[in-house]
Amino acid sequence: MIGYILLGLVAAVAAYLIWAYNALVSNKNLVAEGWSGIDVQLRRRADLVPNLVETVKGYATHEDKLFRDIAELRAKSIAGGTVAEQSAVGQAMTQALGRIFAIAEAYPELKADANFRDLQDKLSGIEDEIQMSRRYYNGAVRNLNTMIESFPSNLVARQFNFEKAEFFEIGDAAAREVPKVDFKTR
């Protein structure tokens, strides 16, 4: 009788270890899938940027430094890198694109240009996709990291060298601040 109880206990432990290992592998693959989604959207944005820059260049020829900065950021984005590096490049790209749209405000004929409006709409859609991809990725990272840190699955994770994944975060504290809106006329 005791032999059956011990055999049942060993079987239950073995079943749990198999389940925990498979769950860790599944969560690790979801993190990889989530990162792939972010990477696809970042590449779509990088492919759209040269068209946007060329459109704005025709109107704002004196903004060469901004255009060079955007070209450099695009190259860094395409080159890839770690999650933290891509997050920093993505934040810088968002700020640079914001400066392009600020320039567009100074040129009413540019704002009225159909090509510029189309590019602006596409970029807005891509930014929304990046945000959704980032949420999915961060959710997958959260689930994996929780399993890696939680007992007893942490014992399995440690045994098979599963490592925590990095969240895709906004690295710039200023970007987290609520923008100040001032409607006063000067």
N, C-alpha and C. Protein backbone atom coordinates (compact mmCIF):
# COMPACT_ATOMS: atom_id res chain seq x y z
N MET A 1 0.81 -1.19 0.00
CA MET A 1 0.00 0.00 0.00
C MET A 1 0.87 1.27 0.00
N ILE A 2 1.89 1.31 0.83
CA ILE A 2 2.78 2.45 0.90
C ILE A 2 3.52 2.61 -0.43
N GLY A 3 3.83 1.50 -1.07
CA GLY A 3 4.50 1.52 -2.36
C GLY A 3 3.64 2.23 -3.41
N TYR A 4 2.32 1.99 -3.39
CA TYR A 4 1.42 2.66 -4.34
C TYR A 4 1.34 4.17 -4.06
N ILE A 5 1.33 4.51 -2.80
CA ILE A 5 1.28 5.93 -2.43
C ILE A 5 2.56 6.63 -2.89
N LEU A 6 3.71 6.00 -2.65
CA LEU A 6 4.97 6.58 -3.08
C LEU A 6 5.04 6.67 -4.60
N LEU A 7 4.56 5.63 -5.27
CA LEU A 7 4.54 5.63 -6.74
C LEU A 7 3.62 6.74 -7.26
N GLY A 8 2.48 6.93 -6.62
CA GLY A 8 1.57 8.00 -7.00
C GLY A 8 2.20 9.37 -6.76
N LEU A 9 2.91 9.53 -5.66
CA LEU A 9 3.57 10.79 -5.35
C LEU A 9 4.68 11.08 -6.36
N VAL A 10 5.47 10.09 -6.71
CA VAL A 10 6.53 10.27 -7.71
C VAL A 10 5.91 10.62 -9.06
N ALA A 11 4.82 9.96 -9.42
CA ALA A 11 4.14 10.24 -10.69
C ALA A 11 3.59 11.67 -10.70
N ALA A 12 3.04 12.11 -9.57
CA ALA A 12 2.49 13.48 -9.49
C ALA A 12 3.62 14.51 -9.62
N VAL A 13 4.74 14.27 -8.96
CA VAL A 13 5.88 15.19 -9.06
C VAL A 13 6.41 15.22 -10.49
N ALA A 14 6.54 14.05 -11.10
CA ALA A 14 7.03 13.98 -12.49
C ALA A 14 6.06 14.70 -13.43
N ALA A 15 4.77 14.52 -13.23
CA ALA A 15 3.77 15.20 -14.07
C ALA A 15 3.88 16.71 -13.90
N TYR A 16 4.07 17.16 -12.65
CA TYR A 16 4.21 18.60 -12.43
C TYR A 16 5.47 19.13 -13.11
N LEU A 17 6.57 18.43 -13.00
CA LEU A 17 7.83 18.88 -13.62
C LEU A 17 7.66 18.98 -15.14
N ILE A 18 7.01 18.01 -15.73
CA ILE A 18 6.77 18.04 -17.18
C ILE A 18 5.87 19.23 -17.52
N TRP A 19 4.80 19.43 -16.74
CA TRP A 19 3.91 20.56 -17.00
C TRP A 19 4.65 21.90 -16.87
N ALA A 20 5.44 22.04 -15.80
CA ALA A 20 6.15 23.30 -15.56
C ALA A 20 7.15 23.57 -16.69
N TYR A 21 7.89 22.56 -17.10
CA TYR A 21 8.85 22.74 -18.20
C TYR A 21 8.13 23.17 -19.47
N ASN A 22 7.05 22.47 -19.82
CA ASN A 22 6.30 22.81 -21.03
C ASN A 22 5.68 24.20 -20.95
N ALA A 23 5.22 24.59 -19.79
CA ALA A 23 4.65 25.94 -19.62
C ALA A 23 5.73 27.00 -19.78
N LEU A 24 6.91 26.75 -19.25
CA LEU A 24 8.02 27.69 -19.41
C LEU A 24 8.42 27.82 -20.88
N VAL A 25 8.50 26.69 -21.58
CA VAL A 25 8.83 26.72 -23.01
C VAL A 25 7.75 27.49 -23.78
N SER A 26 6.50 27.23 -23.46
CA SER A 26 5.39 27.93 -24.13
C SER A 26 5.47 29.44 -23.91
N ASN A 27 5.71 29.85 -22.66
CA ASN A 27 5.82 31.28 -22.36
C ASN A 27 7.04 31.91 -23.03
N LYS A 28 8.14 31.17 -23.09
CA LYS A 28 9.33 31.67 -23.77
C LYS A 28 9.03 31.90 -25.26
N ASN A 29 8.30 30.98 -25.86
CA ASN A 29 7.93 31.13 -27.28
C ASN A 29 6.96 32.29 -27.49
N LEU A 30 6.07 32.52 -26.54
CA LEU A 30 5.16 33.67 -26.65
C LEU A 30 5.94 34.99 -26.57
N VAL A 31 6.98 35.03 -25.75
CA VAL A 31 7.83 36.22 -25.68
C VAL A 31 8.52 36.43 -27.03
N ALA A 32 9.05 35.35 -27.61
CA ALA A 32 9.71 35.46 -28.92
C ALA A 32 8.72 35.92 -29.99
N GLU A 33 7.50 35.38 -29.94
CA GLU A 33 6.46 35.80 -30.89
C GLU A 33 6.11 37.28 -30.70
N GLY A 34 6.00 37.70 -29.46
CA GLY A 34 5.69 39.09 -29.17
C GLY A 34 6.78 40.02 -29.67
N TRP A 35 8.04 39.63 -29.48
CA TRP A 35 9.13 40.46 -29.97
C TRP A 35 9.12 40.52 -31.49
N SER A 36 8.79 39.43 -32.12
CA SER A 36 8.70 39.41 -33.58
C SER A 36 7.65 40.40 -34.07
N GLY A 37 6.52 40.49 -33.37
CA GLY A 37 5.48 41.46 -33.73
C GLY A 37 5.97 42.89 -33.61
N ILE A 38 6.71 43.19 -32.55
CA ILE A 38 7.26 44.54 -32.39
C ILE A 38 8.26 44.81 -33.50
N ASP A 39 9.12 43.84 -33.78
CA ASP A 39 10.15 44.01 -34.81
C ASP A 39 9.53 44.29 -36.17
N VAL A 40 8.46 43.58 -36.51
CA VAL A 40 7.78 43.81 -37.79
C VAL A 40 7.25 45.23 -37.87
N GLN A 41 6.63 45.72 -36.81
CA GLN A 41 6.06 47.07 -36.82
C GLN A 41 7.17 48.13 -36.86
N LEU A 42 8.26 47.89 -36.14
CA LEU A 42 9.37 48.85 -36.18
C LEU A 42 9.97 48.92 -37.58
N ARG A 43 10.05 47.79 -38.27
CA ARG A 43 10.56 47.78 -39.64
C ARG A 43 9.59 48.47 -40.60
N ARG A 44 8.30 48.28 -40.39
CA ARG A 44 7.31 48.99 -41.22
C ARG A 44 7.47 50.49 -41.05
N ARG A 45 7.66 50.92 -39.81
CA ARG A 45 7.85 52.35 -39.55
C ARG A 45 9.14 52.83 -40.21
N ALA A 46 10.20 52.04 -40.07
CA ALA A 46 11.48 52.43 -40.67
C ALA A 46 11.38 52.53 -42.19
N ASP A 47 10.58 51.67 -42.80
CA ASP A 47 10.40 51.72 -44.26
C ASP A 47 9.58 52.93 -44.70
N LEU A 48 8.69 53.39 -43.85
CA LEU A 48 7.84 54.53 -44.18
C LEU A 48 8.56 55.87 -43.98
N VAL A 49 9.50 55.92 -43.06
CA VAL A 49 10.18 57.16 -42.70
C VAL A 49 10.85 57.85 -43.88
N PRO A 50 11.60 57.14 -44.76
CA PRO A 50 12.24 57.87 -45.87
C PRO A 50 11.24 58.60 -46.77
N ASN A 51 10.09 58.02 -47.01
CA ASN A 51 9.07 58.69 -47.82
C ASN A 51 8.57 59.95 -47.14
N LEU A 52 8.36 59.86 -45.84
CA LEU A 52 7.90 61.02 -45.08
C LEU A 52 8.97 62.11 -45.09
N VAL A 53 10.21 61.73 -44.88
CA VAL A 53 11.31 62.70 -44.86
C VAL A 53 11.44 63.39 -46.22
N GLU A 54 11.37 62.62 -47.30
CA GLU A 54 11.50 63.22 -48.63
C GLU A 54 10.37 64.20 -48.91
N THR A 55 9.18 63.87 -48.46
CA THR A 55 8.04 64.77 -48.65
C THR A 55 8.25 66.08 -47.90
N VAL A 56 8.71 65.99 -46.66
CA VAL A 56 8.92 67.19 -45.85
C VAL A 56 10.14 67.98 -46.36
N LYS A 57 11.16 67.28 -46.85
CA LYS A 57 12.37 67.94 -47.35
C LYS A 57 12.05 68.96 -48.43
N GLY A 58 11.09 68.65 -49.27
CA GLY A 58 10.73 69.57 -50.34
C GLY A 58 10.25 70.91 -49.84
N TYR A 59 9.70 70.93 -48.65
CA TYR A 59 9.16 72.17 -48.09
C TYR A 59 10.10 72.81 -47.08
N ALA A 60 10.84 72.01 -46.35
CA ALA A 60 11.67 72.53 -45.25
C ALA A 60 13.13 72.15 -45.49
N THR A 61 13.74 72.76 -46.46
CA THR A 61 15.11 72.41 -46.84
C THR A 61 16.13 72.77 -45.77
N HIS A 62 15.83 73.67 -44.86
CA HIS A 62 16.78 74.11 -43.85
C HIS A 62 16.85 73.19 -42.63
N GLU A 63 16.13 72.10 -42.63
CA GLU A 63 16.10 71.18 -41.48
C GLU A 63 17.01 69.97 -41.70
N ASP A 64 18.18 70.17 -42.29
CA ASP A 64 19.07 69.06 -42.63
C ASP A 64 19.47 68.21 -41.43
N LYS A 65 19.77 68.84 -40.29
CA LYS A 65 20.20 68.07 -39.11
C LYS A 65 19.10 67.10 -38.68
N LEU A 66 17.88 67.53 -38.67
CA LEU A 66 16.77 66.65 -38.30
C LEU A 66 16.70 65.47 -39.26
N PHE A 67 16.84 65.73 -40.54
CA PHE A 67 16.75 64.66 -41.53
C PHE A 67 17.91 63.67 -41.37
N ARG A 68 19.10 64.17 -41.06
CA ARG A 68 20.24 63.27 -40.82
C ARG A 68 20.01 62.44 -39.55
N ASP A 69 19.49 63.08 -38.51
CA ASP A 69 19.20 62.36 -37.26
C ASP A 69 18.20 61.24 -37.50
N ILE A 70 17.17 61.51 -38.27
CA ILE A 70 16.16 60.50 -38.54
C ILE A 70 16.76 59.35 -39.36
N ALA A 71 17.60 59.68 -40.33
CA ALA A 71 18.25 58.64 -41.12
C ALA A 71 19.12 57.74 -40.24
N GLU A 72 19.82 58.36 -39.29
CA GLU A 72 20.67 57.59 -38.38
C GLU A 72 19.82 56.70 -37.47
N LEU A 73 18.73 57.23 -36.96
CA LEU A 73 17.84 56.44 -36.10
C LEU A 73 17.21 55.29 -36.88
N ARG A 74 16.85 55.54 -38.13
CA ARG A 74 16.28 54.49 -38.98
C ARG A 74 17.29 53.37 -39.16
N ALA A 75 18.54 53.72 -39.41
CA ALA A 75 19.59 52.70 -39.58
C ALA A 75 19.76 51.88 -38.30
N LYS A 76 19.73 52.54 -37.14
CA LYS A 76 19.84 51.82 -35.87
C LYS A 76 18.65 50.90 -35.66
N SER A 77 17.47 51.36 -36.05
CA SER A 77 16.26 50.55 -35.89
C SER A 77 16.33 49.29 -36.75
N ILE A 78 16.79 49.46 -37.96
CA ILE A 78 16.88 48.32 -38.88
C ILE A 78 17.95 47.33 -38.40
N ALA A 79 19.03 47.85 -37.80
CA ALA A 79 20.13 47.00 -37.35
C ALA A 79 19.71 46.06 -36.22
N GLY A 80 18.63 46.36 -35.54
CA GLY A 80 18.15 45.50 -34.45
C GLY A 80 18.88 45.82 -33.16
N GLY A 81 19.02 44.80 -32.32
CA GLY A 81 19.68 44.98 -31.04
C GLY A 81 18.81 44.40 -29.93
N THR A 82 19.21 44.67 -28.72
CA THR A 82 18.48 44.16 -27.58
C THR A 82 17.16 44.90 -27.42
N VAL A 83 16.33 44.39 -26.55
CA VAL A 83 15.05 45.03 -26.28
C VAL A 83 15.27 46.45 -25.77
N ALA A 84 16.23 46.64 -24.87
CA ALA A 84 16.49 47.97 -24.32
C ALA A 84 16.99 48.92 -25.41
N GLU A 85 17.87 48.43 -26.29
CA GLU A 85 18.38 49.27 -27.38
C GLU A 85 17.26 49.67 -28.33
N GLN A 86 16.42 48.71 -28.71
CA GLN A 86 15.32 49.00 -29.61
C GLN A 86 14.31 49.95 -28.96
N SER A 87 14.12 49.79 -27.66
CA SER A 87 13.21 50.68 -26.95
C SER A 87 13.73 52.11 -26.98
N ALA A 88 15.04 52.29 -26.75
CA ALA A 88 15.63 53.63 -26.77
C ALA A 88 15.57 54.24 -28.17
N VAL A 89 15.87 53.43 -29.19
CA VAL A 89 15.82 53.92 -30.57
C VAL A 89 14.38 54.27 -30.93
N GLY A 90 13.44 53.44 -30.51
CA GLY A 90 12.03 53.71 -30.80
C GLY A 90 11.55 55.01 -30.18
N GLN A 91 11.98 55.27 -28.94
CA GLN A 91 11.61 56.51 -28.28
C GLN A 91 12.20 57.71 -29.00
N ALA A 92 13.48 57.60 -29.39
CA ALA A 92 14.12 58.70 -30.11
C ALA A 92 13.46 58.92 -31.47
N MET A 93 13.06 57.84 -32.14
CA MET A 93 12.40 57.96 -33.44
C MET A 93 11.04 58.65 -33.27
N THR A 94 10.31 58.31 -32.23
CA THR A 94 9.03 58.94 -31.98
C THR A 94 9.21 60.45 -31.76
N GLN A 95 10.23 60.83 -31.01
CA GLN A 95 10.49 62.25 -30.77
C GLN A 95 10.88 62.97 -32.07
N ALA A 96 11.71 62.33 -32.88
CA ALA A 96 12.13 62.94 -34.15
C ALA A 96 10.94 63.10 -35.10
N LEU A 97 10.09 62.09 -35.14
CA LEU A 97 8.90 62.19 -36.00
C LEU A 97 7.97 63.28 -35.49
N GLY A 98 7.92 63.45 -34.19
CA GLY A 98 7.13 64.55 -33.62
C GLY A 98 7.66 65.90 -34.09
N ARG A 99 8.99 66.00 -34.18
CA ARG A 99 9.58 67.25 -34.68
C ARG A 99 9.24 67.48 -36.15
N ILE A 100 9.16 66.38 -36.93
CA ILE A 100 8.78 66.53 -38.34
C ILE A 100 7.36 67.07 -38.43
N PHE A 101 6.47 66.55 -37.61
CA PHE A 101 5.08 67.01 -37.66
C PHE A 101 4.97 68.45 -37.14
N ALA A 102 5.85 68.83 -36.23
CA ALA A 102 5.87 70.23 -35.79
C ALA A 102 6.31 71.14 -36.93
N ILE A 103 7.27 70.69 -37.72
CA ILE A 103 7.70 71.45 -38.90
C ILE A 103 6.54 71.59 -39.87
N ALA A 104 5.80 70.52 -40.04
CA ALA A 104 4.67 70.54 -40.98
C ALA A 104 3.65 71.60 -40.60
N GLU A 105 3.51 71.87 -39.31
CA GLU A 105 2.58 72.89 -38.86
C GLU A 105 2.94 74.27 -39.41
N ALA A 106 4.24 74.48 -39.63
CA ALA A 106 4.71 75.79 -40.12
C ALA A 106 4.52 75.94 -41.63
N TYR A 107 4.15 74.86 -42.32
CA TYR A 107 4.00 74.90 -43.77
C TYR A 107 2.59 74.43 -44.14
N PRO A 108 1.64 75.36 -44.24
CA PRO A 108 0.25 74.97 -44.55
C PRO A 108 0.14 74.18 -45.85
N GLU A 109 0.98 74.52 -46.84
CA GLU A 109 0.90 73.79 -48.11
C GLU A 109 1.37 72.34 -47.94
N LEU A 110 2.29 72.09 -46.99
CA LEU A 110 2.72 70.73 -46.71
C LEU A 110 1.60 69.97 -46.01
N LYS A 111 0.96 70.61 -45.04
CA LYS A 111 -0.15 69.96 -44.33
C LYS A 111 -1.27 69.59 -45.30
N ALA A 112 -1.43 70.38 -46.37
CA ALA A 112 -2.49 70.13 -47.34
C ALA A 112 -2.09 69.09 -48.39
N ASP A 113 -0.80 68.76 -48.46
CA ASP A 113 -0.30 67.81 -49.46
C ASP A 113 -0.90 66.42 -49.19
N ALA A 114 -1.54 65.83 -50.20
CA ALA A 114 -2.21 64.53 -50.04
C ALA A 114 -1.21 63.44 -49.70
N ASN A 115 -0.03 63.47 -50.30
CA ASN A 115 0.98 62.46 -50.02
C ASN A 115 1.42 62.54 -48.56
N PHE A 116 1.62 63.75 -48.04
CA PHE A 116 2.02 63.93 -46.65
C PHE A 116 0.92 63.42 -45.72
N ARG A 117 -0.31 63.77 -46.01
CA ARG A 117 -1.44 63.32 -45.16
C ARG A 117 -1.54 61.80 -45.16
N ASP A 118 -1.36 61.18 -46.34
CA ASP A 118 -1.41 59.72 -46.43
C ASP A 118 -0.29 59.09 -45.60
N LEU A 119 0.92 59.63 -45.73
CA LEU A 119 2.04 59.11 -44.94
C LEU A 119 1.81 59.30 -43.45
N GLN A 120 1.25 60.44 -43.09
CA GLN A 120 0.96 60.72 -41.68
C GLN A 120 -0.07 59.72 -41.14
N ASP A 121 -1.10 59.42 -41.93
CA ASP A 121 -2.11 58.45 -41.51
C ASP A 121 -1.51 57.05 -41.36
N LYS A 122 -0.67 56.66 -42.32
CA LYS A 122 -0.03 55.34 -42.24
C LYS A 122 0.87 55.26 -41.01
N LEU A 123 1.62 56.31 -40.76
CA LEU A 123 2.50 56.32 -39.60
C LEU A 123 1.71 56.23 -38.30
N SER A 124 0.60 56.92 -38.25
CA SER A 124 -0.26 56.86 -37.07
C SER A 124 -0.76 55.43 -36.85
N GLY A 125 -1.16 54.76 -37.93
CA GLY A 125 -1.61 53.38 -37.82
C GLY A 125 -0.50 52.46 -37.34
N ILE A 126 0.72 52.67 -37.86
CA ILE A 126 1.85 51.85 -37.44
C ILE A 126 2.17 52.10 -35.97
N GLU A 127 2.10 53.34 -35.53
CA GLU A 127 2.36 53.64 -34.12
C GLU A 127 1.35 52.92 -33.22
N ASP A 128 0.09 52.85 -33.66
CA ASP A 128 -0.92 52.10 -32.90
C ASP A 128 -0.58 50.62 -32.86
N GLU A 129 -0.11 50.08 -33.99
CA GLU A 129 0.28 48.66 -34.04
C GLU A 129 1.48 48.39 -33.14
N ILE A 130 2.43 49.32 -33.10
CA ILE A 130 3.59 49.16 -32.22
C ILE A 130 3.13 49.12 -30.77
N GLN A 131 2.19 50.00 -30.42
CA GLN A 131 1.68 50.03 -29.05
C GLN A 131 0.99 48.70 -28.70
N MET A 132 0.17 48.18 -29.61
CA MET A 132 -0.50 46.90 -29.34
C MET A 132 0.51 45.76 -29.25
N SER A 133 1.50 45.76 -30.14
CA SER A 133 2.52 44.72 -30.11
C SER A 133 3.32 44.79 -28.82
N ARG A 134 3.61 46.01 -28.37
CA ARG A 134 4.36 46.18 -27.13
C ARG A 134 3.55 45.64 -25.94
N ARG A 135 2.26 45.88 -25.94
CA ARG A 135 1.41 45.36 -24.85
C ARG A 135 1.42 43.84 -24.84
N TYR A 136 1.28 43.24 -26.03
CA TYR A 136 1.28 41.77 -26.13
C TYR A 136 2.61 41.21 -25.64
N TYR A 137 3.71 41.80 -26.12
CA TYR A 137 5.04 41.34 -25.73
C TYR A 137 5.23 41.46 -24.22
N ASN A 138 4.88 42.63 -23.66
CA ASN A 138 5.06 42.83 -22.22
C ASN A 138 4.20 41.87 -21.40
N GLY A 139 3.01 41.52 -21.90
CA GLY A 139 2.18 40.53 -21.20
C GLY A 139 2.84 39.15 -21.22
N ALA A 140 3.42 38.79 -22.35
CA ALA A 140 4.11 37.51 -22.45
C ALA A 140 5.35 37.50 -21.54
N VAL A 141 6.07 38.60 -21.49
CA VAL A 141 7.24 38.71 -20.60
C VAL A 141 6.80 38.58 -19.15
N ARG A 142 5.71 39.25 -18.80
CA ARG A 142 5.20 39.17 -17.42
C ARG A 142 4.90 37.73 -17.05
N ASN A 143 4.22 36.99 -17.93
CA ASN A 143 3.86 35.60 -17.63
C ASN A 143 5.11 34.72 -17.49
N LEU A 144 6.07 34.89 -18.39
CA LEU A 144 7.30 34.10 -18.31
C LEU A 144 8.05 34.43 -17.02
N ASN A 145 8.23 35.71 -16.75
CA ASN A 145 8.98 36.11 -15.56
C ASN A 145 8.30 35.65 -14.27
N THR A 146 6.97 35.65 -14.25
CA THR A 146 6.24 35.18 -13.08
C THR A 146 6.51 33.70 -12.84
N MET A 147 6.50 32.91 -13.91
CA MET A 147 6.80 31.48 -13.75
C MET A 147 8.23 31.25 -13.29
N ILE A 148 9.14 32.04 -13.83
CA ILE A 148 10.56 31.88 -13.48
C ILE A 148 10.81 32.23 -12.02
N GLU A 149 10.03 33.16 -11.48
CA GLU A 149 10.23 33.61 -10.11
C GLU A 149 9.36 32.87 -9.09
N SER A 150 8.30 32.20 -9.54
CA SER A 150 7.35 31.58 -8.61
C SER A 150 7.80 30.18 -8.21
N PHE A 151 7.55 29.85 -6.95
CA PHE A 151 7.83 28.51 -6.45
C PHE A 151 6.64 27.61 -6.75
N PRO A 152 6.82 26.43 -7.16
CA PRO A 152 8.03 25.63 -7.37
C PRO A 152 8.53 25.65 -8.83
N SER A 153 7.83 26.39 -9.72
CA SER A 153 8.29 26.40 -11.12
C SER A 153 9.66 27.04 -11.25
N ASN A 154 10.07 27.86 -10.26
CA ASN A 154 11.40 28.46 -10.33
C ASN A 154 12.50 27.41 -10.22
N LEU A 155 12.21 26.30 -9.57
CA LEU A 155 13.19 25.21 -9.48
C LEU A 155 13.42 24.58 -10.85
N VAL A 156 12.35 24.40 -11.60
CA VAL A 156 12.46 23.86 -12.96
C VAL A 156 13.17 24.88 -13.85
N ALA A 157 12.79 26.15 -13.73
CA ALA A 157 13.40 27.20 -14.55
C ALA A 157 14.90 27.28 -14.29
N ARG A 158 15.29 27.20 -13.04
CA ARG A 158 16.71 27.26 -12.70
C ARG A 158 17.45 26.04 -13.24
N GLN A 159 16.84 24.88 -13.13
CA GLN A 159 17.46 23.64 -13.59
C GLN A 159 17.73 23.66 -15.10
N PHE A 160 16.81 24.26 -15.86
CA PHE A 160 16.93 24.27 -17.32
C PHE A 160 17.38 25.63 -17.86
N ASN A 161 17.90 26.49 -16.99
CA ASN A 161 18.50 27.77 -17.38
C ASN A 161 17.55 28.71 -18.13
N PHE A 162 16.31 28.78 -17.72
CA PHE A 162 15.39 29.78 -18.27
C PHE A 162 15.75 31.11 -17.64
N GLU A 163 15.78 32.16 -18.46
CA GLU A 163 16.15 33.48 -17.96
C GLU A 163 14.98 34.45 -18.13
N LYS A 164 14.93 35.41 -17.19
CA LYS A 164 13.90 36.44 -17.28
C LYS A 164 14.10 37.25 -18.56
N ALA A 165 13.01 37.71 -19.13
CA ALA A 165 13.05 38.55 -20.33
C ALA A 165 12.89 40.01 -19.93
N GLU A 166 13.35 40.91 -20.81
CA GLU A 166 13.25 42.35 -20.56
C GLU A 166 11.92 42.88 -21.07
N PHE A 167 11.33 43.80 -20.33
CA PHE A 167 10.14 44.49 -20.79
C PHE A 167 10.54 45.53 -21.84
N PHE A 168 9.64 45.81 -22.76
CA PHE A 168 9.84 46.87 -23.75
C PHE A 168 9.25 48.12 -23.12
N GLU A 169 10.12 49.00 -22.61
CA GLU A 169 9.66 50.15 -21.85
C GLU A 169 10.09 51.45 -22.51
N ILE A 170 9.43 52.50 -22.09
CA ILE A 170 9.86 53.83 -22.47
C ILE A 170 11.01 54.18 -21.54
N GLY A 171 12.19 54.39 -22.12
CA GLY A 171 13.37 54.63 -21.30
C GLY A 171 13.48 56.05 -20.79
N ASP A 172 12.83 56.99 -21.44
CA ASP A 172 12.97 58.40 -21.11
C ASP A 172 11.88 58.79 -20.11
N ALA A 173 12.27 59.20 -18.93
CA ALA A 173 11.30 59.59 -17.90
C ALA A 173 10.45 60.78 -18.35
N ALA A 174 11.02 61.66 -19.16
CA ALA A 174 10.26 62.83 -19.64
C ALA A 174 9.10 62.41 -20.54
N ALA A 175 9.25 61.29 -21.23
CA ALA A 175 8.19 60.82 -22.12
C ALA A 175 6.97 60.31 -21.34
N ARG A 176 7.17 59.97 -20.06
CA ARG A 176 6.07 59.49 -19.23
C ARG A 176 5.24 60.61 -18.64
N GLU A 177 5.79 61.81 -18.65
CA GLU A 177 5.10 62.94 -18.05
C GLU A 177 3.90 63.35 -18.88
N VAL A 178 2.89 63.85 -18.20
CA VAL A 178 1.70 64.34 -18.88
C VAL A 178 2.06 65.66 -19.57
N PRO A 179 1.74 65.78 -20.87
CA PRO A 179 2.08 67.03 -21.55
C PRO A 179 1.29 68.20 -20.99
N LYS A 180 1.93 69.37 -20.99
CA LYS A 180 1.27 70.58 -20.51
C LYS A 180 0.65 71.29 -21.70
N VAL A 181 -0.62 71.58 -21.59
CA VAL A 181 -1.33 72.25 -22.66
C VAL A 181 -1.65 73.67 -22.20
N ASP A 182 -1.30 74.63 -23.04
CA ASP A 182 -1.50 76.03 -22.68
C ASP A 182 -2.23 76.71 -23.84
N PHE A 183 -3.46 77.17 -23.60
CA PHE A 183 -4.26 77.79 -24.64
C PHE A 183 -4.19 79.33 -24.58
N LYS A 184 -3.30 79.86 -23.76
CA LYS A 184 -3.17 81.31 -23.66
C LYS A 184 -2.54 81.85 -24.95
N THR A 185 -3.03 82.98 -25.38
CA THR A 185 -2.41 83.61 -26.54
C THR A 185 -1.31 84.52 -26.07
N ARG A 186 -0.32 84.67 -26.89
CA ARG A 186 0.83 85.46 -26.47
C ARG A 186 0.85 86.74 -27.22
